[in-house]
C-alpha cells in the first residue's frame, strides 16, 4: 500500500523532542550547515522543514532531494540542472534543485549516497555558492542554506572510502541527532491522533477509535521503521476500521505480540479496574462498560454477561461511542 503523503508539525511532547526543539531554536537563525543524523523514518525531513520555518528564510522555498533515490546517471542534472542539448533528451534548459532552493533551504537527505564523481562539484558549491549547469559555461550564484541528513555518521563512509573527507568536514557544521520513535514514546499517542485525523480527511472516511488494548500495543511496540512505519499502520487501520473501534486483533501481528503480559491476562483471572470516587458516576459506568468491551474484544454479548447487564444496555453504550 502506498503511504499517504501528509505534512504536519513535529509532535514534541516527549523530553527528547523538547530538547531537540531547544537545539533547533538555537541554530535556526545561524547561517551554518546543519547535519541531521537519525534512523530511517525518524522524521529528519520534518525536522529540517521546521528549522527552515523557524529561520529568516521561511519565506523562501524548502527544497528536499533524496540522494539515495536518484540514479547516478541523473544525479548531476537533478542537483545542478542542465542546458538545452546537454545530453540526449535535454530538449530544454532545466533548473536543478540547488537553483530552485535560492533564497531558501536545500535539504540533502541521505547525502552519504552522493556519487563519488559528483562530491567534488558539491563541495565547490558549498564553498562559494556557485555552480554550472550540465552543459553550461556560465557560473550561477545561488544563496541557499544547506541542511543534510544521514542514517549513520558520515565518518563511517569516509573510513570506508565512500565519501570524500574534505566534503565531510565541509558538511560537518553542527550535527544534531533526531531521536527514534522508541526513544520518544510519549509522542506516540499524539502522533496517532494527528495522523488519524489527516489520513481520514484525505480519504474522506470517518476516523476510527482505538480501544485500550490497541493503544497499549502502539505504545509498547519498538517501531523499527519509526514514524514512517507508524503512519503506514495508521493508514491501514483508517481504511479497514473506518468509524469503528480498533481492537488489538485489528493491528498487525508484530504489534499484537508487543503488548505487555498484563494487557492480555486470561479472562477471569483477576482483571481489576481502579475506580475514582471524585468522578461523576456516569463517567465511571462508561469506563467499566468500555473495559468490559475491551476484555471481550468488542463482543457485546460476552461483555454484557461479564457485567451482568442487559445486552441492550451494552448495545446502547457501544452505539454512542
Protein backbone atom coordinates (compact mmCIF):
# COMPACT_ATOMS: atom_id res chain seq x y z
CA UNK A 1 0.00 0.00 0.00
CA UNK A 2 1.38 3.40 -0.98
CA UNK A 3 1.75 5.68 2.08
CA UNK A 4 -0.43 8.76 2.21
CA UNK A 5 1.61 11.94 1.96
CA UNK A 6 0.84 14.07 4.99
CA UNK A 7 2.79 17.02 6.32
CA UNK A 8 2.46 18.00 9.94
CA UNK A 9 4.31 19.85 12.66
CA UNK A 10 6.62 17.54 14.60
CA UNK A 11 4.96 16.32 17.81
CA UNK A 12 7.12 17.32 20.75
CA UNK A 13 5.52 16.05 23.96
CA UNK A 14 8.49 13.85 24.92
CA UNK A 15 11.58 15.11 26.73
CA UNK A 16 13.79 14.01 23.81
CA UNK A 17 11.82 16.08 21.29
CA UNK A 18 11.56 19.11 23.58
CA UNK A 19 15.33 19.06 23.88
CA UNK A 20 15.62 18.78 20.09
CA UNK A 21 13.31 21.77 19.70
CA UNK A 22 15.51 23.85 22.00
CA UNK A 23 18.52 23.00 19.86
CA UNK A 24 16.63 23.89 16.66
CA UNK A 25 15.63 27.28 18.05
CA UNK A 26 19.26 27.97 18.94
CA UNK A 27 20.64 27.17 15.47
CA UNK A 28 17.76 28.08 13.13
CA UNK A 29 18.94 31.65 12.64
CA UNK A 30 22.60 30.72 12.23
CA UNK A 31 23.94 30.51 8.67
CA UNK A 32 25.80 27.25 9.19
CA UNK A 33 25.45 23.84 7.60
CA UNK A 34 23.26 21.57 9.72
CA UNK A 35 23.68 17.79 9.69
CA UNK A 36 20.80 15.66 10.97
CA UNK A 37 21.59 12.09 11.99
CA UNK A 38 18.81 9.58 12.67
CA UNK A 39 17.28 6.25 11.75
CA UNK A 40 15.23 5.78 8.61
CA UNK A 41 11.70 7.09 9.06
CA UNK A 42 12.50 9.08 12.20
CA UNK A 43 11.30 12.35 10.66
CA UNK A 44 14.51 14.09 9.61
CA UNK A 45 12.78 15.93 6.76
CA UNK A 46 10.03 17.14 9.12
CA UNK A 47 12.72 18.43 11.48
CA UNK A 48 14.59 20.12 8.62
CA UNK A 49 11.38 21.77 7.43
CA UNK A 50 10.67 23.03 10.96
CA UNK A 51 14.16 24.52 11.13
CA UNK A 52 13.54 26.26 7.79
CA UNK A 53 10.25 27.70 9.05
CA UNK A 54 11.96 28.98 12.21
CA UNK A 55 14.68 30.77 10.22
CA UNK A 56 14.71 34.11 8.40
CA UNK A 57 14.49 32.08 5.16
CA UNK A 58 10.94 30.93 5.94
CA UNK A 59 9.50 32.99 3.05
CA UNK A 60 11.81 31.17 0.61
CA UNK A 61 11.41 27.64 -0.75
CA UNK A 62 12.19 24.45 1.12
CA UNK A 63 13.58 22.03 -1.48
CA UNK A 64 14.20 18.40 -0.45
CA UNK A 65 16.19 15.91 -2.50
CA UNK A 66 16.69 12.26 -1.60
CA UNK A 67 20.22 11.46 -2.73
CA UNK A 68 19.63 7.72 -2.35
CA UNK A 69 16.65 7.71 -4.71
CA UNK A 70 18.32 9.25 -7.77
CA UNK A 71 20.17 7.09 -10.33
CA UNK A 72 23.82 8.09 -10.66
CA UNK A 73 23.34 8.97 -14.33
CA UNK A 74 20.67 11.56 -13.46
CA UNK A 75 22.12 12.86 -10.24
CA UNK A 76 24.16 15.75 -11.66
CA UNK A 77 21.27 17.08 -13.73
CA UNK A 78 18.83 16.69 -10.83
CA UNK A 79 21.05 18.64 -8.48
CA UNK A 80 22.63 21.23 -10.78
CA UNK A 81 20.23 21.38 -13.74
CA UNK A 82 21.19 21.26 -17.40
CA UNK A 83 21.29 23.36 -20.56
CA UNK A 84 19.35 22.57 -23.71
CA UNK A 85 21.19 19.92 -25.74
CA UNK A 86 23.50 18.97 -22.87
CA UNK A 87 22.69 15.31 -23.46
CA UNK A 88 20.26 13.14 -25.41
CA UNK A 89 16.74 14.08 -24.41
CA UNK A 90 17.67 17.50 -22.98
CA UNK A 91 15.27 19.40 -25.23
CA UNK A 92 15.01 22.39 -22.88
CA UNK A 93 17.00 24.11 -20.19
CA UNK A 94 16.12 22.79 -16.71
CA UNK A 95 16.86 24.19 -13.29
CA UNK A 96 18.28 21.83 -10.69
CA UNK A 97 17.28 21.53 -7.05
CA UNK A 98 20.10 23.84 -5.92
CA UNK A 99 18.86 26.64 -8.14
CA UNK A 100 15.26 26.06 -7.04
CA UNK A 101 16.33 26.49 -3.41
CA UNK A 102 17.62 30.04 -3.96
CA UNK A 103 16.67 32.24 -1.01
CA UNK A 104 15.55 29.21 0.98
CA UNK A 105 16.79 25.85 2.22
CA UNK A 106 18.15 22.85 0.30
CA UNK A 107 17.64 19.60 2.21
CA UNK A 108 20.04 16.84 1.13
CA UNK A 109 18.59 13.64 2.54
CA UNK A 110 20.94 10.64 2.60
CA UNK A 111 23.79 12.88 1.48
CA UNK A 112 26.20 9.98 2.03
CA UNK A 113 24.77 8.39 -1.13
CA UNK A 114 26.04 11.22 -3.36
CA UNK A 115 28.09 9.62 -6.18
CA UNK A 116 31.84 9.98 -5.62
CA UNK A 117 32.36 11.65 -9.01
CA UNK A 118 29.98 14.49 -8.04
CA UNK A 119 31.13 15.07 -4.50
CA UNK A 120 33.87 17.49 -5.63
CA UNK A 121 31.33 19.61 -7.53
CA UNK A 122 29.03 19.69 -4.50
CA UNK A 123 31.99 20.71 -2.35
CA UNK A 124 32.80 23.62 -4.67
CA UNK A 125 29.23 24.86 -4.43
CA UNK A 126 29.28 24.66 -0.64
CA UNK A 127 32.49 26.73 -0.58
CA UNK A 128 31.47 29.57 -2.92
CA UNK A 129 27.74 29.05 -3.64
CA UNK A 130 28.44 28.93 -7.37
CA UNK A 131 27.96 26.14 -9.90
CA UNK A 132 27.39 25.45 -13.59
CA UNK A 133 24.52 23.54 -15.09
CA UNK A 134 25.36 20.37 -17.02
CA UNK A 135 26.49 21.52 -20.46
CA UNK A 136 26.76 25.12 -19.28
CA UNK A 137 29.68 27.54 -19.43
CA UNK A 138 28.43 30.27 -17.09
CA UNK A 139 28.67 30.11 -13.31
CA UNK A 140 25.43 30.67 -11.44
CA UNK A 141 25.33 32.09 -7.90
CA UNK A 142 22.70 30.76 -5.50
CA UNK A 143 22.09 31.79 -1.91
CA UNK A 144 20.71 28.66 -0.28
CA UNK A 145 21.13 27.23 3.17
CA UNK A 146 22.20 23.58 3.30
CA UNK A 147 20.72 21.03 5.69
CA UNK A 148 21.80 17.43 5.18
CA UNK A 149 20.74 14.16 6.75
CA UNK A 150 22.23 10.70 7.12
CA UNK A 151 21.23 7.34 8.58
CA UNK A 152 24.66 6.86 10.06
CA UNK A 153 27.58 9.14 10.91
CA UNK A 154 29.46 10.12 7.72
CA UNK A 155 32.75 9.22 9.40
CA UNK A 156 31.92 5.57 8.65
CA UNK A 157 31.65 6.34 4.92
CA UNK A 158 34.87 8.37 4.98
CA UNK A 159 36.77 5.49 6.58
CA UNK A 160 35.30 3.08 4.04
CA UNK A 161 36.39 5.32 1.15
CA UNK A 162 32.81 6.02 0.02
CA UNK A 163 32.82 9.70 0.94
CA UNK A 164 35.38 12.46 0.50
CA UNK A 165 36.99 13.63 3.72
CA UNK A 166 37.08 17.27 2.57
CA UNK A 167 33.33 17.24 1.79
CA UNK A 168 32.68 15.55 5.12
CA UNK A 169 34.45 18.33 7.02
CA UNK A 170 32.60 20.97 4.99
CA UNK A 171 29.26 19.35 5.81
CA UNK A 172 30.09 18.71 9.43
CA UNK A 173 28.82 22.09 10.66
CA UNK A 174 26.50 21.38 13.57
CA UNK A 175 25.44 17.74 13.94
CA UNK A 176 22.01 17.12 15.51
CA UNK A 177 20.63 13.67 16.36
CA UNK A 178 16.94 13.05 15.66
CA UNK A 179 15.60 10.54 18.23
CA UNK A 180 13.93 7.31 17.14
CA UNK A 181 10.26 6.77 17.95
CA UNK A 182 11.05 4.19 20.64
CA UNK A 183 13.03 6.93 22.44
CA UNK A 184 10.04 9.29 22.43
CA UNK A 185 7.10 7.06 23.38
CA UNK A 186 5.21 10.00 24.91
CA UNK A 187 4.74 11.26 21.33
CA UNK A 188 3.09 8.08 20.01
CA UNK A 189 -0.44 8.87 21.22
CA UNK A 190 -0.48 12.43 19.83
CA UNK A 191 1.10 11.23 16.57
CA UNK A 192 -1.58 8.56 16.13
CA UNK A 193 -4.29 11.16 16.79
CA UNK A 194 -2.84 13.63 14.28
CA UNK A 195 -2.14 11.03 11.60
CA UNK A 196 -5.61 9.52 12.01
CA UNK A 197 -7.25 12.91 11.54
CA UNK A 198 -5.19 13.79 8.47
CA UNK A 199 -5.39 10.40 6.75
CA UNK A 200 -9.12 10.07 7.39
CA UNK A 201 -9.66 13.55 5.99
CA UNK A 202 -7.60 12.70 2.90
CA UNK A 203 -9.58 9.52 2.23
CA UNK A 204 -12.92 11.07 3.22
CA UNK A 205 -13.53 8.42 5.89
CA UNK A 206 -14.73 8.59 9.48
CA UNK A 207 -11.81 8.27 11.94
CA UNK A 208 -11.67 5.02 13.94
CA UNK A 209 -11.32 4.97 17.72
CA UNK A 210 -8.62 2.94 19.43
CA UNK A 211 -9.54 0.64 22.30
CA UNK A 212 -7.29 0.44 25.32
CA UNK A 213 -5.51 -2.79 24.36
CA UNK A 214 -4.76 -1.44 20.87
CA UNK A 215 -3.40 1.78 22.36
CA UNK A 216 -1.18 -0.23 24.71
CA UNK A 217 0.22 -2.15 21.73
CA UNK A 218 1.02 1.05 19.85
CA UNK A 219 2.90 2.42 22.84
CA UNK A 220 4.82 -0.75 23.68
CA UNK A 221 5.96 -1.66 20.15
CA UNK A 222 9.55 -0.66 19.31
CA UNK A 223 8.75 0.78 15.84
CA UNK A 224 11.93 -0.18 13.93
CA UNK A 225 10.53 1.80 10.97
CA UNK A 226 9.85 4.81 13.21
CA UNK A 227 7.24 7.41 12.24
CA UNK A 228 7.08 6.10 8.66
CA UNK A 229 6.03 2.66 9.94
CA UNK A 230 3.53 4.22 12.36
CA UNK A 231 1.99 6.20 9.51
CA UNK A 232 1.54 3.04 7.43
CA UNK A 233 -0.16 1.22 10.32
CA UNK A 234 -2.47 4.17 10.99
CA UNK A 235 -3.40 4.34 7.31
CA UNK A 236 -4.22 0.63 7.24
CA UNK A 237 -6.39 0.99 10.35
CA UNK A 238 -8.17 4.06 8.95
CA UNK A 239 -9.15 2.14 5.82
CA UNK A 240 -10.11 -1.17 7.45
CA UNK A 241 -11.81 0.12 10.62
CA UNK A 242 -13.50 3.22 9.25
CA UNK A 243 -15.55 4.80 12.04
CA UNK A 244 -15.25 1.64 14.17
CA UNK A 245 -13.38 0.69 17.31
CA UNK A 246 -9.83 -0.56 16.76
CA UNK A 247 -9.22 -3.77 18.69
CA UNK A 248 -5.88 -5.39 19.42
CA UNK A 249 -6.59 -8.09 16.83
CA UNK A 250 -7.07 -5.40 14.16
CA UNK A 251 -3.38 -4.43 14.38
CA UNK A 252 -0.50 -6.16 12.56
CA UNK A 253 0.76 -9.33 14.27
CA UNK A 254 4.05 -7.71 15.34
CA UNK A 255 2.15 -5.10 17.34
CA UNK A 256 -0.13 -7.69 18.94
CA UNK A 257 2.92 -9.56 20.22
CA UNK A 258 4.34 -6.39 21.77
CA UNK A 259 1.50 -5.96 24.29
CA UNK A 260 2.65 -6.31 27.91
CA UNK A 261 1.55 -9.56 29.53
CA UNK A 262 -0.77 -7.72 31.93
CA UNK A 263 -2.72 -6.29 28.99
CA UNK A 264 -3.52 -9.78 27.73
CA UNK A 265 -4.31 -11.55 31.03
CA UNK A 266 -6.51 -14.65 30.66
CA UNK A 267 -10.20 -13.98 31.07
CA UNK A 268 -11.46 -14.31 34.64
CA UNK A 269 -8.03 -14.22 36.32
CA UNK A 270 -8.21 -11.10 38.43
CA UNK A 271 -8.91 -8.28 35.94
CA UNK A 272 -9.27 -5.12 38.02
CA UNK A 273 -10.27 -1.55 37.32
CA UNK A 274 -9.39 1.35 39.59
CA UNK A 275 -12.45 3.50 40.36
CA UNK A 276 -12.05 7.10 41.47
CA UNK A 277 -14.74 8.49 43.75
CA UNK A 278 -14.12 12.09 42.69
CA UNK A 279 -15.52 11.45 39.20
CA UNK A 280 -19.16 11.65 38.06
CA UNK A 281 -20.98 8.31 38.24
CA UNK A 282 -21.80 8.25 34.52
CA UNK A 283 -18.10 8.56 33.64
CA UNK A 284 -17.26 5.66 35.96
CA UNK A 285 -20.02 3.50 34.48
CA UNK A 286 -18.82 4.30 30.96
CA UNK A 287 -15.28 3.31 31.90
CA UNK A 288 -16.48 -0.02 33.31
CA UNK A 289 -18.53 -0.77 30.19
CA UNK A 290 -15.61 0.20 27.95
CA UNK A 291 -13.19 -2.00 29.91
CA UNK A 292 -15.55 -4.99 29.63
CA UNK A 293 -15.82 -4.50 25.86
CA UNK A 294 -12.05 -4.39 25.53
CA UNK A 295 -11.61 -7.56 27.60
CA UNK A 296 -14.09 -9.30 25.32
CA UNK A 297 -12.52 -7.96 22.10
CA UNK A 298 -15.60 -5.86 21.34
CA UNK A 299 -18.11 -8.71 21.70
CA UNK A 300 -21.18 -7.01 23.23
CA UNK A 301 -22.96 -10.18 24.32
CA UNK A 302 -19.98 -11.52 26.27
CA UNK A 303 -19.27 -8.09 27.77
CA UNK A 304 -22.90 -7.82 28.94
CA UNK A 305 -22.73 -11.29 30.53
CA UNK A 306 -19.43 -10.44 32.22
CA UNK A 307 -21.02 -7.43 33.94
CA UNK A 308 -24.47 -8.91 34.48
CA UNK A 309 -26.20 -6.17 32.49
CA UNK A 310 -28.63 -6.43 29.60
CA UNK A 311 -27.38 -6.75 26.06
CA UNK A 312 -29.48 -3.68 25.21
CA UNK A 313 -27.50 -1.61 27.75
CA UNK A 314 -24.22 -2.67 26.18
CA UNK A 315 -25.54 -2.04 22.67
CA UNK A 316 -26.67 1.49 23.56
CA UNK A 317 -23.27 2.24 25.09
CA UNK A 318 -21.34 0.83 22.09
CA UNK A 319 -23.53 2.72 19.62
CA UNK A 320 -22.91 6.01 21.40
CA UNK A 321 -19.11 5.72 21.49
